[in-house]
Every structure is written in C-alpha cells, then in structure tokens.
Protein backbone atom coordinates (compact mmCIF):
# COMPACT_ATOMS: atom_id res chain seq x y z
CA MET A 1 112.49 112.20 85.75
CA LEU A 2 113.96 108.71 86.09
CA SER A 3 117.23 109.69 87.80
CA ASN A 4 116.48 108.27 91.24
CA TYR A 5 114.80 105.19 89.76
CA GLN A 6 116.98 104.39 86.71
CA GLY A 7 118.54 101.36 88.36
CA SER A 8 115.11 100.00 89.21
CA ALA A 9 113.83 100.69 85.68
CA ASN A 10 116.85 98.91 84.16
CA ALA A 11 116.35 95.91 86.47
CA LEU A 12 112.70 95.74 85.40
CA VAL A 13 113.75 95.66 81.73
CA GLU A 14 116.18 92.86 82.36
CA LEU A 15 113.41 90.87 84.10
CA LEU A 16 111.06 91.41 81.11
CA LYS A 17 113.81 90.14 78.78
CA GLN A 18 114.10 86.99 80.91
CA GLN A 19 110.31 86.55 80.64
CA GLY A 20 110.39 86.65 76.86
CA VAL A 21 109.94 90.26 75.77
CA GLU A 22 112.32 90.72 72.84
CA ASP A 23 111.41 93.87 70.93
CA GLU A 24 114.14 96.50 71.55
CA VAL A 25 111.82 99.45 70.85
CA VAL A 26 109.32 98.21 73.41
CA LEU A 27 112.00 97.50 75.99
CA LYS A 28 113.48 100.96 75.46
CA ALA A 29 110.02 102.52 75.97
CA ILE A 30 109.64 100.60 79.26
CA ALA A 31 113.12 101.72 80.36
CA ASN A 32 112.35 105.34 79.56
CA THR A 33 108.92 105.52 81.18
CA PRO A 34 108.98 106.69 84.81
CA ARG A 35 106.39 104.31 86.21
CA HIS A 36 106.63 105.93 89.64
CA MET A 37 104.82 108.96 88.17
CA PHE A 38 101.78 106.80 87.45
CA VAL A 39 101.12 105.50 91.00
CA ASP A 40 100.17 107.11 94.32
CA GLU A 41 102.93 108.34 96.66
CA VAL A 42 102.45 105.40 99.07
CA LEU A 43 103.11 102.91 96.28
CA LYS A 44 106.15 104.51 94.69
CA HIS A 45 108.50 102.05 96.37
CA LYS A 46 106.69 99.28 94.40
CA SER A 47 106.48 101.12 91.09
CA TYR A 48 109.20 99.10 89.32
CA GLU A 49 108.05 95.70 90.55
CA ASN A 50 106.53 93.48 87.86
CA THR A 51 103.09 93.65 89.37
CA ALA A 52 99.74 95.42 88.89
CA LEU A 53 98.98 98.18 91.42
CA PRO A 54 95.77 99.96 92.43
CA ILE A 55 95.19 103.45 91.08
CA GLY A 56 91.77 104.16 92.67
CA GLN A 57 88.25 104.01 91.25
CA GLY A 58 88.54 100.18 91.31
CA GLN A 59 91.14 100.30 88.53
CA THR A 60 94.76 99.16 88.36
CA ILE A 61 97.99 100.06 86.56
CA SER A 62 98.82 96.90 84.60
CA GLN A 63 101.79 94.63 85.25
CA PRO A 64 104.76 95.90 83.21
CA PHE A 65 105.16 92.47 81.56
CA ILE A 66 101.57 92.61 80.25
CA VAL A 67 102.01 96.19 79.07
CA ALA A 68 105.18 95.20 77.17
CA LYS A 69 103.72 91.98 75.80
CA MET A 70 100.52 93.54 74.48
CA THR A 71 102.54 96.29 72.79
CA GLU A 72 105.03 93.78 71.38
CA VAL A 73 102.26 91.58 69.98
CA LEU A 74 100.90 94.44 67.90
CA LYS A 75 104.36 95.20 66.57
CA GLN A 76 105.06 91.55 65.78
CA VAL A 77 101.99 91.29 63.52
CA GLY A 78 103.11 94.37 61.60
CA VAL A 79 100.93 97.09 63.11
CA LYS A 80 102.18 100.61 62.40
CA GLY A 81 100.55 104.03 62.51
CA ARG A 82 97.41 104.81 64.44
CA ILE A 83 96.54 102.97 67.63
CA LEU A 84 93.33 102.99 69.67
CA GLU A 85 93.71 102.29 73.37
CA VAL A 86 90.54 101.39 75.27
CA GLY A 87 91.03 102.20 78.94
CA THR A 88 93.55 105.01 79.53
CA GLY A 89 93.66 104.31 83.31
CA SER A 90 96.82 105.79 84.83
CA GLY A 91 98.24 106.54 81.36
CA TYR A 92 101.24 104.18 81.80
CA GLN A 93 100.32 101.89 78.87
CA THR A 94 99.47 105.04 76.88
CA ALA A 95 102.95 106.42 77.52
CA VAL A 96 104.58 103.22 76.31
CA LEU A 97 102.42 103.12 73.20
CA ALA A 98 103.20 106.75 72.43
CA GLN A 99 106.91 105.91 72.23
CA VAL A 100 106.35 102.91 69.94
CA PHE A 101 103.62 103.99 67.51
CA GLU A 102 103.01 107.16 65.47
CA GLN A 103 99.73 108.25 66.99
CA VAL A 104 97.64 106.99 69.92
CA PHE A 105 93.96 107.64 70.52
CA SER A 106 92.90 106.72 74.06
CA ILE A 107 89.46 106.45 75.65
CA GLU A 108 88.71 106.45 79.42
CA ARG A 109 85.28 106.23 81.00
CA ILE A 110 86.31 107.74 84.36
CA LYS A 111 86.97 111.44 83.89
CA SER A 112 89.22 111.92 86.95
CA LEU A 113 91.60 109.19 85.74
CA GLN A 114 91.66 110.68 82.24
CA TRP A 115 92.55 114.15 83.59
CA GLN A 116 95.44 112.71 85.67
CA ALA A 117 96.73 110.69 82.76
CA ARG A 118 96.66 113.68 80.42
CA ARG A 119 98.67 115.73 82.90
CA ARG A 120 101.32 112.97 83.25
CA LEU A 121 101.75 112.59 79.49
CA HIS A 122 102.26 116.34 79.08
CA LEU A 123 104.91 116.27 81.82
CA LEU A 124 106.68 113.61 79.73
CA ASP A 125 106.34 115.66 76.54
CA LEU A 126 104.29 112.97 74.84
CA TYR A 127 102.05 114.92 72.54
CA ASN A 128 101.11 112.31 69.94
CA VAL A 129 98.22 111.16 72.13
CA THR A 130 94.61 112.28 71.69
CA MET A 131 92.26 111.53 74.59
CA LYS A 132 88.52 111.14 74.93
CA HIS A 133 86.18 110.70 77.89
CA GLY A 134 83.71 108.06 76.78
CA ASP A 135 82.51 104.49 76.55
CA GLY A 136 85.33 102.18 75.46
CA TRP A 137 82.91 99.50 74.26
CA LYS A 138 81.97 101.85 71.41
CA GLY A 139 85.53 102.72 70.40
CA TRP A 140 86.11 105.95 68.53
CA ALA A 141 84.32 105.65 65.18
CA SER A 142 85.09 109.21 64.00
CA LYS A 143 88.85 108.48 64.18
CA ALA A 144 88.66 104.96 62.66
CA PRO A 145 90.03 102.94 61.00
CA PHE A 146 92.91 102.03 63.27
CA ALA A 147 95.97 99.93 62.50
CA GLY A 148 95.86 98.46 66.01
CA ILE A 149 93.53 98.37 69.02
CA ILE A 150 94.66 97.53 72.54
CA VAL A 151 92.08 96.94 75.25
CA THR A 152 93.27 97.17 78.87
CA ALA A 153 90.24 95.64 80.57
CA ALA A 154 88.55 92.26 80.15
CA ALA A 155 85.45 91.99 77.99
CA GLN A 156 82.83 89.26 78.62
CA SER A 157 82.40 88.89 74.88
CA VAL A 158 84.16 90.20 71.76
CA PRO A 159 83.20 93.88 71.21
CA ASP A 160 82.06 93.89 67.56
CA GLU A 161 82.08 97.70 67.40
CA LEU A 162 85.83 97.65 68.10
CA LEU A 163 86.54 95.00 65.48
CA ALA A 164 84.64 97.10 62.93
CA GLN A 165 87.08 99.98 63.54
CA LEU A 166 90.12 98.02 62.43
CA GLU A 167 91.68 98.64 59.00
CA ASP A 168 92.34 95.68 56.77
CA GLY A 169 95.44 93.95 58.09
CA GLY A 170 94.92 95.61 61.45
CA ALA A 171 95.00 93.80 64.78
CA MET A 172 93.36 94.01 68.18
CA VAL A 173 94.72 92.54 71.42
CA ILE A 174 92.17 92.18 74.22
CA PRO A 175 91.51 90.08 77.34
CA ILE A 176 88.33 88.01 76.88
CA GLY A 177 86.43 86.30 79.69
CA VAL A 178 85.01 86.78 83.18
CA GLU A 179 86.56 84.44 85.75
CA ALA A 180 88.92 82.74 83.32
CA GLN A 181 90.37 85.39 81.03
CA THR A 182 92.47 84.85 77.92
CA LEU A 183 94.59 87.50 76.21
CA THR A 184 93.39 87.24 72.62
CA LEU A 185 94.68 88.61 69.28
CA PHE A 186 92.34 89.33 66.37
CA VAL A 187 93.83 90.05 62.94
CA LYS A 188 91.54 91.44 60.24
CA GLN A 189 91.98 89.82 56.83
CA GLY A 190 89.37 91.12 54.37
CA GLU A 191 85.97 90.37 55.90
CA GLN A 192 87.44 87.79 58.33
CA PHE A 193 89.00 88.05 61.73
CA ILE A 194 91.65 85.48 62.59
CA ARG A 195 91.62 84.76 66.31
CA HIS A 196 94.67 83.69 68.34
CA ALA A 197 94.59 82.79 72.07
CA LEU A 198 97.82 84.07 73.63
CA ALA A 199 97.89 83.57 77.42
CA PRO A 200 95.79 83.45 80.61
CA VAL A 201 95.57 86.89 82.21
CA ARG A 202 93.77 88.79 84.94
CA PHE A 203 92.28 92.24 84.22
CA VAL A 204 89.57 94.43 85.72
CA PRO A 205 86.30 94.16 83.73
CA LEU A 206 85.57 96.35 80.74
CA VAL A 207 82.48 98.27 81.87
CA ALA A 208 80.08 99.92 79.41
CA GLY A 209 79.13 103.57 79.82
CA GLU A 210 81.02 106.59 81.05
CA VAL A 211 81.49 108.13 84.48
CA GLY A 212 81.52 111.91 84.96
C-alpha cells in the first residue's frame, strides 16, 4: 500500500530523526504506515509532509512528529501492554500505536470518523485495536486499568476520570490548555501523579459528549 509513496515515507522518517525522534520501533511504525490512506483525495499530495491536515468535522490528522513523539514518550517511560487512545480521528495515530503496543483501545465521539478509521485499520490488517463511539473525557472504565493513555485533543483542565484509569506505574500524555497548550506527561506512582511539561503544542479542543 506504500509502493508509490515509499520514498516520501522514508524522507519523512529521516526528517523525524533530525527533529529528535530516536526510538527505532516508533520510526519503523511511521515508515510502514501509509499516511495517504488517512487523508482525503485532494490532500494526498501533502500526506507525507510533517504537518497537520484537515479530515472534516472540524478535526485534523496530527503532525507526524507529534504522533511519533507522543508514542515515543510512552515507550521511554516504560509503558507496555494496553493503551487507551482518546480521539481516534482519522485512525493514523491508532495505526502507529497498534504497531508499537500490544493492544489499543480507542474512543471517538464522532461516529462517521470512527467508522472510517475502523475500515482503514482493517485494510492494514491491524486487528489489535478495539474501538468505541463515546465521550473521551470519560475514558473506558470497563477496560481499565491501562498502562498508557494518549489524548489527541487539548483539554482545558486535567481529566481526572482518565488519570483514575491508569495502572500503577502507568503514564498519560495529553495536551493541556486553551490558547496556550502544553504537551504534558503524567506518571502514576502509588496515589500520586508526577507531572512533566514537555513542549508547546497546538491541538483541536477535547470536547465532552458524543456525536451520532
């Protein structure tokens, strides 16, 4: 599925290396994921640029660097096993996570986006992903606890319900803020959550509720 785009995918990986992404498993997942499948036909020529692109419904497919960095951060703090992704969107981040971690649970509030993402993941033979149409703010309590949580939209405040679904030693990476957003890492240690500010970012807002 990458044949016509393999050169572009390889060039993207080299760019991500230059920008500081080091984890070989993450870089391989980026190289093997056909990003052109996750964008509209009119944007395919931009699909391997290191930029966010619109996917409709006011949502975007994240910049590849951010996708790689958020995934790498979880690996670097020792996360293994079950991952919760809040905000399936196009499914691109989901596809990368599915190649790096054992099992991915992904929530999307917009049903049409979820349906499209599910179809793409099946075309890529990625079957270690379980999807749910629902409110990402609430997480997925029946599947908790999770080793890692990745949130692909910016929350105005820290979602306590998500933190509560982390296992001990687990970690969550999430953009926090409204106008000024900061990519933030939370690591659970016993009853405490250790907070690390990582980098300024720009994400669409994390909206409560679900859309039919």
